Amino acid sequence: MRRIIKYLGIAIVISLAVAFVFFRTSDIPVEALKEKYAPPPSKFIKVQGMDVHYRDEGKPGDPLPIVLIHGTGASLHTWEPMVAELKATYRVITLDIPAFGLTGPNPKRDYSAEFYTSFMQAFLKALSVDSCIMGGNSLGGSIAWNYALSYPAAVKKLILIDASGYPTTAKSMPIAFRIARTPVLKHLLKYLGARSLAAKSIEDVYADPSRVQPEIVDRYYDMYLREGNRQALLDRMAISFHPDTYMKIGTLQMPTLILWGEEDKLIPVENAYRFQKDLPNDTLVVLKNLGHVPMEEDPKTTTEVVRSFLQK
């Protein structure tokens, strides 16, 4: 048995060495990515030592903008179809949160709930936004409701799209996330890059993988290779938000839309009903045949639900 374990260990080391030699991928300089992914109306603003990529679209000067926050591994581009529909009526602000997109890593390598709350406050202050309608998907949803807990008067309405927050067990997890949480293997993510890995990770969060277009995979993959983002992903995945914070969700009084893909396997729909049970002023909409990122998988249907909520 010891000999088998020994040879198995040697085989694993050799496999990792081969993978490192043949699949090692260099970072992409952020300036190169800006040319492709940050045309107008993209802008950059200095916040807490970071050049934050954001877009401020729609009705200029509207004192109550919609602020949308993406999830792990994504970027503000995930909201583009929704923004295209909403900006004729509303002011919409999107951004790449630290660790992801063109904003890249936090120099302090802090990705706690407290950090993201302070970051969002500093970001909104830099844009002179005193109050807003705040929405988020997945990690972005968690950031949104944590921010609302700290600044309840500033958030007039809340939109939670397949939001994280409650202790839960994923029915299926994107392969990149699984690797990022696996000892030894996770360190390879700092050096390796495979477009097929990005494609599989995105397909895992869609209900219908055939909806994953090549340009979406290209974008996620390029952002993953943005200099510093691979280490930032590992740092982010190593941090758990305070496990008992969700117990305060019921104190949120603002009108809240809970919007969920029924086929979400990363944060199953049972979590939508937990939000509904705890929130005193909520609207729950469960979308059939959609997964973890409904605004990306079916932007038309998702936007219709969001617009209906905003008009109430």
Protein backbone atom coordinates (compact mmCIF):
# COMPACT_ATOMS: atom_id res chain seq x y z
CA MET A 1 0.00 0.00 0.00
CA ARG A 2 2.79 2.46 0.88
CA ARG A 3 4.44 1.75 -2.46
CA ILE A 4 1.16 2.45 -4.29
CA ILE A 5 0.73 5.74 -2.43
CA LYS A 6 4.34 6.64 -3.18
CA TYR A 7 3.97 6.00 -6.91
CA LEU A 8 0.62 7.77 -6.97
CA GLY A 9 2.25 10.81 -5.38
CA ILE A 10 5.06 10.74 -7.93
CA ALA A 11 2.53 10.49 -10.75
CA ILE A 12 0.64 13.52 -9.41
CA VAL A 13 3.83 15.57 -9.12
CA ILE A 14 4.85 14.63 -12.68
CA SER A 15 1.37 15.52 -13.98
CA LEU A 16 1.50 18.89 -12.26
CA ALA A 17 4.97 19.55 -13.66
CA VAL A 18 3.81 18.70 -17.18
CA ALA A 19 0.76 20.94 -16.78
CA PHE A 20 2.96 23.75 -15.54
CA VAL A 21 5.33 23.46 -18.52
CA PHE A 22 2.71 23.16 -21.23
CA PHE A 23 -0.17 25.24 -19.91
CA ARG A 24 1.56 28.10 -18.14
CA THR A 25 -0.05 31.34 -19.26
CA SER A 26 1.26 34.88 -18.83
CA ASP A 27 -0.73 37.73 -17.36
CA ILE A 28 -2.31 40.24 -19.72
CA PRO A 29 -1.30 43.85 -18.97
CA VAL A 30 -4.27 45.92 -17.90
CA GLU A 31 -3.53 48.58 -20.53
CA ALA A 32 -3.94 45.99 -23.27
CA LEU A 33 -7.29 44.92 -21.84
CA LYS A 34 -8.49 48.51 -21.56
CA GLU A 35 -8.22 48.91 -25.32
CA LYS A 36 -10.61 46.00 -25.83
CA TYR A 37 -12.96 46.21 -22.87
CA ALA A 38 -13.04 49.85 -21.74
CA PRO A 39 -14.26 52.00 -24.61
CA PRO A 40 -16.59 54.89 -23.75
CA PRO A 41 -18.64 55.13 -21.59
CA SER A 42 -16.04 53.32 -19.44
CA LYS A 43 -14.17 55.53 -16.98
CA PHE A 44 -11.63 55.03 -14.21
CA ILE A 45 -11.60 56.64 -10.79
CA LYS A 46 -9.11 56.36 -7.94
CA VAL A 47 -10.63 54.73 -4.86
CA GLN A 48 -8.62 53.36 -1.91
CA GLY A 49 -5.47 53.12 -4.02
CA MET A 50 -7.14 51.34 -6.95
CA ASP A 51 -8.04 52.55 -10.44
CA VAL A 52 -11.66 51.44 -10.47
CA HIS A 53 -13.29 50.67 -13.79
CA TYR A 54 -16.89 51.90 -13.90
CA ARG A 55 -19.65 53.16 -16.15
CA ASP A 56 -22.22 55.84 -15.33
CA GLU A 57 -24.94 55.68 -17.97
CA GLY A 58 -28.45 56.90 -18.61
CA LYS A 59 -30.09 59.97 -17.09
CA PRO A 60 -27.21 62.29 -16.12
CA GLY A 61 -27.41 63.83 -12.69
CA ASP A 62 -30.23 61.57 -11.46
CA PRO A 63 -29.76 61.69 -7.66
CA LEU A 64 -31.08 58.13 -7.24
CA PRO A 65 -29.07 55.90 -9.59
CA ILE A 66 -29.24 52.13 -9.84
CA VAL A 67 -25.90 50.63 -8.73
CA LEU A 68 -25.26 47.08 -9.92
CA ILE A 69 -22.53 44.82 -8.46
CA HIS A 70 -21.31 41.69 -10.24
CA GLY A 71 -20.26 38.37 -8.75
CA THR A 72 -17.05 36.36 -8.40
CA GLY A 73 -14.99 36.15 -11.59
CA ALA A 74 -17.28 38.51 -13.50
CA SER A 75 -17.07 42.18 -14.44
CA LEU A 76 -19.40 45.09 -15.12
CA HIS A 77 -19.92 43.66 -18.61
CA THR A 78 -22.29 41.05 -17.19
CA TRP A 79 -24.85 43.88 -16.81
CA GLU A 80 -24.47 45.35 -20.33
CA PRO A 81 -27.72 43.94 -21.80
CA MET A 82 -29.72 45.07 -18.78
CA VAL A 83 -28.14 48.51 -18.77
CA ALA A 84 -28.92 48.90 -22.47
CA GLU A 85 -32.62 48.47 -21.65
CA LEU A 86 -32.72 50.56 -18.47
CA LYS A 87 -30.55 53.55 -19.32
CA ALA A 88 -33.25 55.30 -21.35
CA THR A 89 -35.26 55.71 -18.16
CA TYR A 90 -32.76 55.44 -15.31
CA ARG A 91 -29.23 56.37 -14.38
CA VAL A 92 -27.28 53.13 -14.02
CA ILE A 93 -23.83 52.75 -12.46
CA THR A 94 -21.83 49.54 -12.89
CA LEU A 95 -18.28 48.78 -11.78
CA ASP A 96 -15.59 46.13 -11.61
CA ILE A 97 -15.24 45.38 -7.91
CA PRO A 98 -11.74 44.78 -6.49
CA ALA A 99 -10.23 41.35 -7.31
CA PHE A 100 -11.94 41.22 -10.68
CA GLY A 101 -12.27 42.83 -14.09
CA LEU A 102 -10.11 45.77 -15.04
CA THR A 103 -10.04 47.11 -11.47
CA GLY A 104 -7.93 44.15 -10.39
CA PRO A 105 -6.56 43.32 -6.96
CA ASN A 106 -6.80 45.25 -3.73
CA PRO A 107 -3.18 46.15 -2.82
CA LYS A 108 -3.97 45.10 0.77
CA ARG A 109 -5.34 41.70 -0.39
CA ASP A 110 -8.40 42.21 1.81
CA TYR A 111 -11.68 40.90 0.37
CA SER A 112 -13.76 40.69 3.52
CA ALA A 113 -17.34 41.91 3.78
CA GLU A 114 -16.09 44.88 5.78
CA PHE A 115 -13.65 45.81 3.03
CA TYR A 116 -16.25 45.65 0.27
CA THR A 117 -18.67 47.73 2.36
CA SER A 118 -16.06 50.43 2.97
CA PHE A 119 -14.99 50.27 -0.66
CA MET A 120 -18.54 50.77 -1.95
CA GLN A 121 -19.04 53.70 0.40
CA ALA A 122 -15.80 55.30 -0.81
CA PHE A 123 -16.69 54.62 -4.45
CA LEU A 124 -20.16 56.15 -4.17
CA LYS A 125 -18.78 59.12 -2.25
CA ALA A 126 -16.24 59.69 -5.04
CA LEU A 127 -19.18 59.88 -7.48
CA SER A 128 -21.15 62.13 -5.11
CA VAL A 129 -23.90 59.52 -4.75
CA ASP A 130 -25.66 59.86 -1.41
CA SER A 131 -28.46 57.35 -2.02
CA CYS A 132 -29.23 54.71 -4.60
CA ILE A 133 -31.08 51.59 -5.62
CA MET A 134 -28.50 48.85 -5.12
CA GLY A 135 -28.47 45.46 -6.78
CA GLY A 136 -26.07 42.57 -7.02
CA ASN A 137 -25.63 39.05 -8.29
CA SER A 138 -24.04 36.26 -6.24
CA LEU A 139 -21.11 37.83 -4.32
CA GLY A 140 -22.40 41.19 -5.54
CA GLY A 141 -25.73 40.47 -3.91
CA SER A 142 -23.99 39.75 -0.62
CA ILE A 143 -22.03 42.99 -0.93
CA ALA A 144 -25.31 44.84 -1.61
CA TRP A 145 -27.18 43.57 1.43
CA ASN A 146 -24.13 43.96 3.68
CA TYR A 147 -23.83 47.56 2.48
CA ALA A 148 -27.54 48.08 3.16
CA LEU A 149 -27.04 46.82 6.71
CA SER A 150 -24.34 49.44 7.31
CA TYR A 151 -26.03 52.28 5.39
CA PRO A 152 -29.78 51.56 5.44
CA ALA A 153 -30.76 55.18 4.77
CA ALA A 154 -28.63 55.23 1.61
CA VAL A 155 -30.28 52.22 -0.05
CA LYS A 156 -33.85 53.04 -1.10
CA LYS A 157 -34.46 49.71 -2.82
CA LEU A 158 -32.50 46.45 -2.94
CA ILE A 159 -32.22 43.93 -5.78
CA LEU A 160 -30.81 40.51 -4.91
CA ILE A 161 -30.13 38.25 -7.90
CA ASP A 162 -29.08 34.75 -6.84
CA ALA A 163 -27.35 36.42 -3.91
CA SER A 164 -24.98 34.72 -1.54
CA GLY A 165 -25.29 35.09 2.20
CA TYR A 166 -26.85 32.08 3.88
CA PRO A 167 -24.83 29.00 4.77
CA THR A 168 -25.50 26.62 1.90
CA THR A 169 -24.12 23.69 -0.04
CA ALA A 170 -23.75 23.99 -3.79
CA LYS A 171 -25.31 21.25 -5.91
CA SER A 172 -22.60 21.94 -8.48
CA MET A 173 -19.64 24.31 -8.37
CA PRO A 174 -17.68 25.78 -11.32
CA ILE A 175 -14.46 23.86 -11.81
CA ALA A 176 -12.32 26.98 -11.35
CA PHE A 177 -13.91 27.51 -7.92
CA ARG A 178 -13.25 23.89 -6.96
CA ILE A 179 -9.60 24.18 -7.93
CA ALA A 180 -9.26 27.48 -6.06
CA ARG A 181 -10.37 25.70 -2.88
CA THR A 182 -8.18 22.62 -3.29
CA PRO A 183 -4.84 22.56 -1.41
CA VAL A 184 -1.76 22.41 -3.65
CA LEU A 185 -3.79 22.50 -6.86
CA LYS A 186 -5.05 26.01 -6.12
CA HIS A 187 -1.53 27.44 -6.46
CA LEU A 188 -1.45 26.35 -10.10
CA LEU A 189 -4.17 28.92 -10.82
CA LYS A 190 -1.55 31.63 -10.36
CA TYR A 191 0.27 30.35 -13.42
CA LEU A 192 -2.05 28.22 -15.52
CA GLY A 193 -4.77 29.36 -17.84
CA ALA A 194 -6.98 27.38 -20.16
CA ARG A 195 -9.85 28.85 -22.13
CA SER A 196 -11.61 25.50 -21.88
CA LEU A 197 -11.53 25.81 -18.08
CA ALA A 198 -13.19 29.23 -18.33
CA ALA A 199 -15.80 27.86 -20.73
CA LYS A 200 -16.66 24.94 -18.46
CA SER A 201 -16.88 27.21 -15.40
CA ILE A 202 -19.36 29.50 -17.17
CA GLU A 203 -21.41 26.61 -18.52
CA ASP A 204 -21.70 25.30 -14.95
CA VAL A 205 -23.63 28.40 -13.86
CA TYR A 206 -25.99 28.51 -16.86
CA ALA A 207 -29.11 26.34 -16.97
CA ASP A 208 -28.63 26.02 -20.73
CA PRO A 209 -24.93 25.77 -21.64
CA SER A 210 -25.74 26.35 -25.31
CA ARG A 211 -26.42 29.99 -24.41
CA VAL A 212 -22.75 30.53 -23.52
CA GLN A 213 -21.43 32.48 -26.48
CA PRO A 214 -17.71 32.47 -27.46
CA GLU A 215 -17.37 36.20 -26.82
CA ILE A 216 -18.58 35.71 -23.24
CA VAL A 217 -15.95 33.03 -22.66
CA ASP A 218 -13.28 35.25 -24.22
CA ARG A 219 -14.18 38.10 -21.88
CA TYR A 220 -14.18 36.01 -18.70
CA TYR A 221 -10.92 34.39 -19.73
CA ASP A 222 -9.22 37.68 -20.54
CA MET A 223 -10.32 39.21 -17.23
CA TYR A 224 -9.04 36.14 -15.39
CA LEU A 225 -5.62 36.75 -16.98
CA ARG A 226 -5.60 40.44 -16.09
CA GLU A 227 -2.37 40.96 -14.17
CA GLY A 228 -2.94 40.21 -10.49
CA ASN A 229 -6.41 38.72 -10.84
CA ARG A 230 -5.40 35.08 -10.48
CA GLN A 231 -3.84 35.67 -7.08
CA ALA A 232 -6.78 37.90 -6.15
CA LEU A 233 -9.20 35.08 -6.94
CA LEU A 234 -7.29 32.77 -4.59
CA ASP A 235 -7.26 35.43 -1.88
CA ARG A 236 -10.99 36.05 -2.29
CA MET A 237 -11.88 32.35 -2.23
CA ALA A 238 -9.87 31.90 0.96
CA ILE A 239 -12.07 34.38 2.85
CA SER A 240 -15.46 33.55 4.33
CA PHE A 241 -17.79 36.35 5.27
CA HIS A 242 -18.86 36.28 8.93
CA PRO A 243 -21.09 33.21 9.20
CA ASP A 244 -23.63 34.87 11.48
CA THR A 245 -24.13 38.12 9.55
CA TYR A 246 -27.07 36.64 7.64
CA MET A 247 -29.00 36.68 10.94
CA LYS A 248 -29.32 40.46 10.50
CA ILE A 249 -30.96 40.27 7.07
CA GLY A 250 -34.41 40.50 8.64
CA THR A 251 -33.63 44.00 9.90
CA LEU A 252 -33.58 45.40 6.36
CA GLN A 253 -36.73 47.44 5.81
CA MET A 254 -36.30 48.76 2.26
CA PRO A 255 -38.35 47.22 -0.59
CA THR A 256 -36.34 44.25 -1.89
CA LEU A 257 -36.59 42.23 -5.08
CA ILE A 258 -35.42 38.64 -4.69
CA LEU A 259 -34.77 37.33 -8.19
CA TRP A 260 -33.56 33.77 -8.71
CA GLY A 261 -32.85 31.27 -11.46
CA GLU A 262 -34.75 28.10 -10.58
CA GLU A 263 -31.93 25.94 -11.96
CA ASP A 264 -29.17 27.66 -9.97
CA LYS A 265 -26.87 24.88 -8.77
CA LEU A 266 -24.24 27.11 -7.17
CA ILE A 267 -26.63 28.90 -4.78
CA PRO A 268 -29.78 26.75 -4.99
CA VAL A 269 -33.23 28.32 -5.14
CA GLU A 270 -33.93 27.26 -1.54
CA ASN A 271 -31.88 30.31 -0.58
CA ALA A 272 -34.37 32.58 -2.35
CA TYR A 273 -37.08 31.33 0.00
CA ARG A 274 -34.83 31.98 2.99
CA PHE A 275 -34.46 35.61 1.90
CA GLN A 276 -38.22 35.78 1.37
CA LYS A 277 -38.91 34.39 4.84
CA ASP A 278 -36.54 36.81 6.59
CA LEU A 279 -37.10 40.04 4.67
CA PRO A 280 -40.17 42.01 5.83
CA ASN A 281 -40.73 43.96 2.58
CA ASP A 282 -39.87 41.68 -0.30
CA THR A 283 -40.96 40.61 -3.78
CA LEU A 284 -39.87 37.13 -4.87
CA VAL A 285 -39.60 36.11 -8.53
CA VAL A 286 -38.21 32.69 -9.51
CA LEU A 287 -37.29 32.34 -13.19
CA LYS A 288 -37.76 28.93 -14.75
CA ASN A 289 -35.06 27.37 -16.94
CA LEU A 290 -32.40 29.86 -15.80
CA GLY A 291 -29.31 29.39 -13.67
CA HIS A 292 -27.03 31.45 -11.45
CA VAL A 293 -26.60 34.49 -13.72
CA PRO A 294 -30.09 35.10 -15.18
CA MET A 295 -29.27 38.68 -16.24
CA GLU A 296 -26.61 37.22 -18.52
CA GLU A 297 -28.38 34.04 -19.61
CA ASP A 298 -31.73 35.70 -20.37
CA PRO A 299 -31.31 39.49 -20.05
CA LYS A 300 -34.71 40.30 -21.59
CA THR A 301 -36.76 38.36 -19.04
CA THR A 302 -34.58 39.46 -16.14
CA THR A 303 -34.78 43.12 -17.12
CA GLU A 304 -38.58 42.96 -17.41
CA VAL A 305 -38.80 41.73 -13.81
CA VAL A 306 -36.38 44.40 -12.57
CA ARG A 307 -38.22 47.16 -14.45
CA SER A 308 -41.56 46.07 -12.98
CA PHE A 309 -40.06 46.22 -9.47
CA LEU A 310 -38.54 49.66 -10.07
CA GLN A 311 -41.88 51.04 -11.22
CA LYS A 312 -43.69 50.10 -8.01
